[in-house]
Protein backbone atom coordinates (compact mmCIF):
# COMPACT_ATOMS: atom_id res chain seq x y z
CA MET A 1 0.01 -0.06 -0.04
CA VAL A 2 1.45 3.30 -1.11
CA GLY A 3 1.71 5.90 1.80
CA ALA A 4 0.89 3.27 4.45
CA LEU A 5 1.65 4.25 7.95
CA ALA A 6 1.73 2.33 11.26
CA GLY A 7 -1.17 -0.04 11.28
CA GLY A 8 -1.56 0.05 7.48
CA VAL A 9 -3.66 3.17 7.53
CA SER A 10 -2.94 5.15 4.36
CA ALA A 11 -1.58 8.71 4.58
CA PRO A 12 -4.46 10.20 2.50
CA ALA A 13 -7.01 8.85 4.85
CA LEU A 14 -5.27 10.39 7.78
CA ALA A 15 -4.78 13.62 5.93
CA GLY A 16 -8.57 13.60 5.25
CA CYS A 17 -9.26 13.48 8.97
CA SER A 18 -6.60 16.20 9.74
CA MET A 19 -7.89 18.45 7.05
CA GLN A 20 -11.47 18.15 8.32
CA PHE A 21 -10.16 19.00 11.73
CA GLU A 22 -8.22 22.01 10.44
CA MET A 23 -11.19 23.30 8.56
CA CYS A 24 -13.54 22.82 11.52
CA SER A 25 -11.14 24.53 13.89
CA ALA A 26 -10.79 27.49 11.51
CA TRP A 27 -14.48 27.73 11.26
CA CYS A 28 -14.74 27.79 15.09
CA SER A 29 -12.24 30.54 15.24
CA THR A 30 -14.16 32.63 12.80
CA ARG A 31 -17.64 31.97 14.11
CA HIS A 32 -16.82 32.55 17.87
CA VAL A 33 -14.54 35.60 17.62
CA GLY A 34 -16.04 37.20 20.67
CA SER A 35 -16.33 34.29 23.02
CA GLU A 36 -13.23 32.19 24.02
CA ALA A 37 -15.39 29.71 25.81
CA ARG A 38 -17.54 29.02 22.81
CA LYS A 39 -14.46 28.81 20.66
CA VAL A 40 -12.93 26.18 22.94
CA GLY A 41 -16.18 24.17 23.09
CA CYS A 42 -16.50 24.25 19.28
CA LYS A 43 -12.81 23.20 18.82
CA THR A 44 -13.28 20.42 21.32
CA ARG A 45 -16.15 19.04 19.17
CA CYS A 46 -13.84 19.22 16.16
CA LEU A 47 -11.19 17.21 18.04
CA ALA A 48 -13.79 14.64 19.02
CA ASP A 49 -14.89 14.41 15.31
CA ARG A 50 -11.21 13.97 14.32
CA ALA A 51 -10.80 11.11 16.87
CA ALA A 52 -13.89 9.40 15.42
CA CYS A 53 -12.61 9.91 11.89
CA LEU A 54 -9.30 8.30 12.81
CA ALA A 55 -11.05 5.47 14.59
CA GLU A 56 -13.32 4.76 11.68
CA THR A 57 -10.41 4.69 9.33
CA GLY A 58 -8.62 2.22 11.63
CA ILE A 59 -11.73 0.08 11.84
CA ASP A 60 -12.02 -0.04 8.10
CA LYS A 61 -8.52 -1.19 7.79
CA ALA A 62 -8.91 -3.82 10.46
CA LYS A 63 -12.07 -5.21 8.75
CA GLU A 64 -10.02 -5.53 5.41
CA THR A 65 -7.13 -7.18 7.14
CA GLY A 66 -9.33 -9.53 9.03
CA LYS A 67 -11.17 -10.61 5.88
CA GLN A 68 -7.84 -11.26 4.24
CA GLY A 69 -6.72 -13.41 7.19
CA ALA A 70 -9.95 -15.33 7.25
CA ASP A 71 -9.69 -16.04 3.43
CA SER A 72 -6.12 -17.25 3.99
CA ALA A 73 -7.12 -19.54 6.88
CA LYS A 74 -10.09 -20.88 4.86
CA GLY A 75 -7.68 -21.73 1.97
CA PHE A 76 -5.29 -23.45 4.38
CA TRP A 77 -7.98 -25.73 5.86
CA GLU A 78 -9.39 -26.47 2.53
CA GLY A 79 -5.94 -27.60 1.33
CA PHE A 80 -5.40 -29.54 4.63
CA TRP A 81 -8.66 -31.54 4.42
CA SER A 82 -8.87 -32.05 0.75
CA ASP A 83 -7.93 -35.37 -0.93
CA LYS A 84 -4.25 -35.38 -2.04
């Protein structure tokens, strides 16, 4: 996989989460110019969304890896139990 990082998650997928966070954070700064508390609350939600995005990216990769492992195991047992 091109651009794969630790855990096999691709760099573009992580960049997507980071870019969404940066855009959300910038929007919070613009929207809540007069209130630091609202700005912090908004940016905290952006951070939670980023964490969810990264988790979902990892889950998708784990599903793919698990399916590949299951397919390999199935092939192994089919070969093991088949007639020679």
